[in-house]
Amino acid sequence: MENRTPQKSVFSLISGLIFLGLGSYIVYRYFFGNELITTLRLALSLVMIGFGAYRLYNYFST
């Protein structure tokens, strides 16, 4: 068995940035854009922010 170091995945970086950016944009529109957003969509955008932050944390911690 080979002794390899884990490689950083570009897909993990890009997906983390997309999830974090899109979720942040939706929350920004809700709080500062005076746009009506359903509670479910707001909750899903917060989940997207959390998942994006998790993906970026995993990318930069390895």
N, C-alpha and C. Protein backbone atom coordinates (compact mmCIF):
# COMPACT_ATOMS: atom_id res chain seq x y z
N MET A 1 0.85 -1.18 0.00
CA MET A 1 0.00 0.00 0.00
C MET A 1 0.89 1.24 0.00
N GLU A 2 0.48 2.23 -0.79
CA GLU A 2 1.27 3.44 -0.90
C GLU A 2 0.98 4.39 0.26
N ASN A 3 1.97 5.15 0.61
CA ASN A 3 1.83 6.15 1.66
C ASN A 3 1.67 7.50 0.98
N ARG A 4 0.41 7.90 0.72
CA ARG A 4 0.15 9.13 -0.02
C ARG A 4 -0.48 10.18 0.89
N THR A 5 -0.17 11.43 0.60
CA THR A 5 -0.84 12.51 1.31
C THR A 5 -2.14 12.82 0.59
N PRO A 6 -3.18 13.22 1.31
CA PRO A 6 -4.45 13.52 0.64
C PRO A 6 -4.31 14.73 -0.28
N GLN A 7 -4.85 14.62 -1.47
CA GLN A 7 -4.77 15.70 -2.43
C GLN A 7 -5.97 16.63 -2.26
N LYS A 8 -5.71 17.91 -2.51
CA LYS A 8 -6.79 18.88 -2.44
C LYS A 8 -7.62 18.79 -3.71
N SER A 9 -8.90 18.73 -3.55
CA SER A 9 -9.81 18.61 -4.67
C SER A 9 -10.27 20.00 -5.11
N VAL A 10 -10.08 20.30 -6.38
CA VAL A 10 -10.53 21.58 -6.92
C VAL A 10 -12.05 21.65 -6.88
N PHE A 11 -12.71 20.51 -7.09
CA PHE A 11 -14.17 20.47 -7.02
C PHE A 11 -14.67 20.88 -5.63
N SER A 12 -13.96 20.48 -4.60
CA SER A 12 -14.34 20.84 -3.24
C SER A 12 -14.23 22.35 -3.04
N LEU A 13 -13.19 22.95 -3.58
CA LEU A 13 -13.00 24.39 -3.46
C LEU A 13 -14.09 25.14 -4.22
N ILE A 14 -14.34 24.75 -5.45
CA ILE A 14 -15.32 25.46 -6.28
C ILE A 14 -16.73 25.30 -5.73
N SER A 15 -17.09 24.07 -5.32
CA SER A 15 -18.44 23.88 -4.78
C SER A 15 -18.62 24.63 -3.46
N GLY A 16 -17.59 24.67 -2.64
CA GLY A 16 -17.67 25.42 -1.39
C GLY A 16 -17.88 26.90 -1.64
N LEU A 17 -17.17 27.45 -2.62
CA LEU A 17 -17.33 28.87 -2.95
C LEU A 17 -18.72 29.15 -3.52
N ILE A 18 -19.22 28.24 -4.36
CA ILE A 18 -20.55 28.45 -4.95
C ILE A 18 -21.63 28.39 -3.88
N PHE A 19 -21.59 27.38 -3.02
CA PHE A 19 -22.60 27.26 -1.97
C PHE A 19 -22.55 28.45 -1.02
N LEU A 20 -21.35 28.84 -0.62
CA LEU A 20 -21.21 29.96 0.30
C LEU A 20 -21.67 31.26 -0.34
N GLY A 21 -21.31 31.48 -1.59
CA GLY A 21 -21.70 32.71 -2.28
C GLY A 21 -23.19 32.80 -2.54
N LEU A 22 -23.78 31.72 -3.03
CA LEU A 22 -25.21 31.74 -3.34
C LEU A 22 -26.06 31.87 -2.07
N GLY A 23 -25.70 31.13 -1.04
CA GLY A 23 -26.43 31.24 0.22
C GLY A 23 -26.32 32.63 0.82
N SER A 24 -25.13 33.20 0.77
CA SER A 24 -24.92 34.55 1.31
C SER A 24 -25.71 35.58 0.51
N TYR A 25 -25.77 35.40 -0.80
CA TYR A 25 -26.52 36.34 -1.64
C TYR A 25 -28.01 36.31 -1.31
N ILE A 26 -28.56 35.14 -1.08
CA ILE A 26 -29.98 35.03 -0.75
C ILE A 26 -30.26 35.68 0.61
N VAL A 27 -29.41 35.42 1.59
CA VAL A 27 -29.59 36.02 2.92
C VAL A 27 -29.42 37.53 2.83
N TYR A 28 -28.46 38.00 2.04
CA TYR A 28 -28.25 39.44 1.87
C TYR A 28 -29.49 40.10 1.26
N ARG A 29 -30.07 39.47 0.23
CA ARG A 29 -31.27 40.03 -0.38
C ARG A 29 -32.43 40.08 0.61
N TYR A 30 -32.50 39.10 1.50
CA TYR A 30 -33.59 39.08 2.48
C TYR A 30 -33.45 40.21 3.49
N PHE A 31 -32.24 40.40 4.03
CA PHE A 31 -32.06 41.37 5.10
C PHE A 31 -31.84 42.80 4.59
N PHE A 32 -31.15 42.97 3.47
CA PHE A 32 -30.82 44.32 3.02
C PHE A 32 -31.53 44.74 1.74
N GLY A 33 -32.14 43.80 1.04
CA GLY A 33 -32.81 44.13 -0.20
C GLY A 33 -34.31 44.25 -0.06
N ASN A 34 -34.81 44.07 1.15
CA ASN A 34 -36.26 44.14 1.41
C ASN A 34 -37.05 43.24 0.49
N GLU A 35 -36.53 42.07 0.22
CA GLU A 35 -37.22 41.10 -0.63
C GLU A 35 -37.88 40.05 0.25
N LEU A 36 -39.09 39.68 -0.11
CA LEU A 36 -39.80 38.66 0.65
C LEU A 36 -39.31 37.28 0.21
N ILE A 37 -38.83 36.51 1.16
CA ILE A 37 -38.34 35.16 0.91
C ILE A 37 -39.03 34.24 1.91
N THR A 38 -39.47 33.09 1.44
CA THR A 38 -40.15 32.15 2.33
C THR A 38 -39.17 31.64 3.39
N THR A 39 -39.74 31.19 4.48
CA THR A 39 -38.92 30.68 5.58
C THR A 39 -38.11 29.46 5.15
N LEU A 40 -38.71 28.61 4.33
CA LEU A 40 -38.00 27.43 3.85
C LEU A 40 -36.79 27.81 3.01
N ARG A 41 -36.96 28.78 2.12
CA ARG A 41 -35.84 29.21 1.28
C ARG A 41 -34.75 29.86 2.12
N LEU A 42 -35.14 30.63 3.12
CA LEU A 42 -34.16 31.25 4.00
C LEU A 42 -33.40 30.18 4.79
N ALA A 43 -34.10 29.18 5.28
CA ALA A 43 -33.45 28.10 6.02
C ALA A 43 -32.51 27.31 5.11
N LEU A 44 -32.94 27.04 3.88
CA LEU A 44 -32.07 26.32 2.94
C LEU A 44 -30.84 27.14 2.57
N SER A 45 -30.97 28.44 2.48
CA SER A 45 -29.81 29.27 2.18
C SER A 45 -28.83 29.27 3.35
N LEU A 46 -29.34 29.21 4.58
CA LEU A 46 -28.44 29.12 5.74
C LEU A 46 -27.73 27.77 5.76
N VAL A 47 -28.43 26.71 5.35
CA VAL A 47 -27.80 25.39 5.24
C VAL A 47 -26.73 25.42 4.15
N MET A 48 -27.01 26.11 3.05
CA MET A 48 -26.03 26.22 1.97
C MET A 48 -24.77 26.95 2.45
N ILE A 49 -24.94 27.99 3.25
CA ILE A 49 -23.79 28.71 3.79
C ILE A 49 -22.97 27.79 4.69
N GLY A 50 -23.65 27.03 5.54
CA GLY A 50 -22.95 26.10 6.42
C GLY A 50 -22.21 25.02 5.65
N PHE A 51 -22.86 24.47 4.62
CA PHE A 51 -22.22 23.42 3.82
C PHE A 51 -21.04 23.97 3.03
N GLY A 52 -21.20 25.18 2.49
CA GLY A 52 -20.08 25.80 1.77
C GLY A 52 -18.90 26.08 2.68
N ALA A 53 -19.18 26.55 3.89
CA ALA A 53 -18.11 26.80 4.85
C ALA A 53 -17.43 25.49 5.24
N TYR A 54 -18.21 24.43 5.38
CA TYR A 54 -17.65 23.12 5.71
C TYR A 54 -16.74 22.61 4.59
N ARG A 55 -17.19 22.77 3.33
CA ARG A 55 -16.37 22.33 2.20
C ARG A 55 -15.06 23.12 2.13
N LEU A 56 -15.13 24.43 2.35
CA LEU A 56 -13.92 25.24 2.33
C LEU A 56 -13.00 24.91 3.49
N TYR A 57 -13.59 24.64 4.66
CA TYR A 57 -12.76 24.24 5.80
C TYR A 57 -12.02 22.94 5.51
N ASN A 58 -12.72 21.97 4.93
CA ASN A 58 -12.07 20.71 4.59
C ASN A 58 -10.98 20.90 3.55
N TYR A 59 -11.22 21.79 2.59
CA TYR A 59 -10.23 22.03 1.55
C TYR A 59 -8.96 22.66 2.13
N PHE A 60 -9.12 23.66 2.99
CA PHE A 60 -7.95 24.36 3.51
C PHE A 60 -7.30 23.66 4.69
N SER A 61 -7.99 22.73 5.33
CA SER A 61 -7.39 22.06 6.49
C SER A 61 -6.53 20.87 6.11
N THR A 62 -6.67 20.36 4.87
CA THR A 62 -5.84 19.21 4.46
C THR A 62 -4.57 19.66 3.84
